[in-house]
Amino acid sequence: MIEGEMAEDTSIIQSIINDLKGSSPLWEDFVSKGLKLHASLRSTAATLEAFLDSMLKIADAATSSKGASKDVGATLTKMVIRHRSIEQKLRVLSGYGITDQCNKD
């Protein structure tokens, strides 16, 4: 009975190995697409940071002016602060997949 179970286990293991050999291109494609996504997220975060820096300069200029422009400047400053949190979350997301997976090994 034990020999029969061992033969069955060996057959299952061999089947799994054969399945994994055939799925190698799928995993390579998955990893390749994941790396492209990671690069895009990092690039998007850097572009968003530059955009928000530019917007903050406009907000600061409007805040330091006279009249109703101060209100516009204050509103833009609040908007930049809120969007900085989005930028930060995007940076965390872009670093999460690669760094966490590499550190698990």
Protein backbone atom coordinates (compact mmCIF):
# COMPACT_ATOMS: atom_id res chain seq x y z
CA MET A 1 0.00 0.00 0.00
CA ILE A 2 2.82 2.42 0.80
CA GLU A 3 4.50 1.72 -2.57
CA GLY A 4 1.25 2.52 -4.37
CA GLU A 5 0.90 5.82 -2.54
CA MET A 6 4.52 6.69 -3.29
CA ALA A 7 4.02 5.93 -6.96
CA GLU A 8 0.91 8.12 -6.98
CA ASP A 9 2.76 10.95 -5.20
CA THR A 10 5.64 10.66 -7.65
CA SER A 11 3.20 10.84 -10.54
CA ILE A 12 1.55 13.97 -9.11
CA ILE A 13 4.91 15.64 -8.52
CA GLN A 14 6.06 14.79 -12.05
CA SER A 15 2.81 16.23 -13.42
CA ILE A 16 3.34 19.46 -11.48
CA ILE A 17 6.91 19.75 -12.74
CA ASN A 18 5.77 19.24 -16.34
CA ASP A 19 3.06 21.89 -15.91
CA LEU A 20 5.58 24.38 -14.52
CA LYS A 21 7.98 23.76 -17.40
CA GLY A 22 5.22 24.64 -19.87
CA SER A 23 4.21 27.79 -18.01
CA SER A 24 7.65 29.42 -18.07
CA PRO A 25 6.77 31.86 -20.90
CA LEU A 26 3.69 32.93 -18.95
CA TRP A 27 5.78 33.76 -15.88
CA GLU A 28 8.38 35.56 -17.98
CA ASP A 29 5.63 37.67 -19.55
CA PHE A 30 4.13 38.38 -16.13
CA VAL A 31 7.47 39.49 -14.70
CA SER A 32 8.20 41.61 -17.78
CA LYS A 33 4.85 43.38 -17.56
CA GLY A 34 5.29 43.86 -13.82
CA LEU A 35 8.64 45.56 -14.37
CA LYS A 36 7.10 47.84 -16.99
CA LEU A 37 4.29 48.73 -14.58
CA HIS A 38 6.81 49.46 -11.85
CA ALA A 39 8.80 51.76 -14.15
CA SER A 40 5.63 53.55 -15.27
CA LEU A 41 4.44 54.11 -11.70
CA ARG A 42 7.83 55.52 -10.69
CA SER A 43 7.86 57.77 -13.75
CA THR A 44 4.31 58.94 -13.03
CA ALA A 45 5.23 59.72 -9.42
CA ALA A 46 8.24 61.78 -10.55
CA THR A 47 6.16 63.66 -13.11
CA LEU A 48 3.44 64.32 -10.55
CA GLU A 49 6.04 65.66 -8.13
CA ALA A 50 7.37 68.11 -10.75
CA PHE A 51 3.82 69.20 -11.63
CA LEU A 52 2.92 69.79 -7.99
CA ASP A 53 6.14 71.75 -7.42
CA SER A 54 5.18 73.99 -10.32
CA MET A 55 1.64 74.37 -9.03
CA LEU A 56 2.96 75.26 -5.58
CA LYS A 57 5.05 78.06 -7.07
CA ILE A 58 1.91 79.49 -8.66
CA ALA A 59 0.03 79.09 -5.38
CA ASP A 60 2.79 80.87 -3.46
CA ALA A 61 2.83 83.73 -5.95
CA ALA A 62 -0.95 84.09 -5.75
CA THR A 63 -0.92 83.93 -1.95
CA SER A 64 1.65 86.71 -1.69
CA SER A 65 -0.32 89.01 -4.02
CA LYS A 66 -3.10 91.39 -3.07
CA GLY A 67 -6.83 91.01 -3.41
CA ALA A 68 -8.84 87.95 -4.35
CA SER A 69 -5.74 86.18 -5.66
CA LYS A 70 -4.86 85.35 -2.05
CA ASP A 71 -7.93 83.14 -1.84
CA VAL A 72 -6.99 81.43 -5.08
CA GLY A 73 -3.46 80.91 -3.76
CA ALA A 74 -4.72 79.44 -0.49
CA THR A 75 -7.03 77.09 -2.35
CA LEU A 76 -4.23 75.97 -4.69
CA THR A 77 -1.96 75.37 -1.71
CA LYS A 78 -4.58 73.13 -0.10
CA MET A 79 -5.01 71.29 -3.37
CA VAL A 80 -1.25 70.72 -3.67
CA ILE A 81 -1.09 69.38 -0.10
CA ARG A 82 -3.90 66.91 -0.84
CA HIS A 83 -2.26 65.81 -4.06
CA ARG A 84 1.09 65.32 -2.28
CA SER A 85 -0.57 62.54 -0.30
CA ILE A 86 -1.63 60.93 -3.58
CA GLU A 87 1.93 61.26 -4.85
CA GLN A 88 3.22 59.63 -1.67
CA LYS A 89 0.77 56.73 -2.02
CA LEU A 90 1.84 56.29 -5.64
CA ARG A 91 5.49 56.13 -4.56
CA VAL A 92 4.63 53.53 -1.92
CA LEU A 93 2.68 51.53 -4.50
CA SER A 94 5.50 51.69 -7.04
CA GLY A 95 8.06 50.53 -4.50
CA TYR A 96 5.89 47.93 -2.81
CA GLY A 97 5.82 45.18 -5.41
CA ILE A 98 9.46 45.04 -6.34
CA THR A 99 11.14 45.71 -3.01
CA ASP A 100 8.88 43.48 -0.95
CA GLN A 101 9.18 40.57 -3.36
CA CYS A 102 12.95 40.90 -3.53
CA ASN A 103 13.28 41.07 0.26
CA LYS A 104 11.31 37.86 0.81
CA ASP A 105 14.06 35.71 -0.67
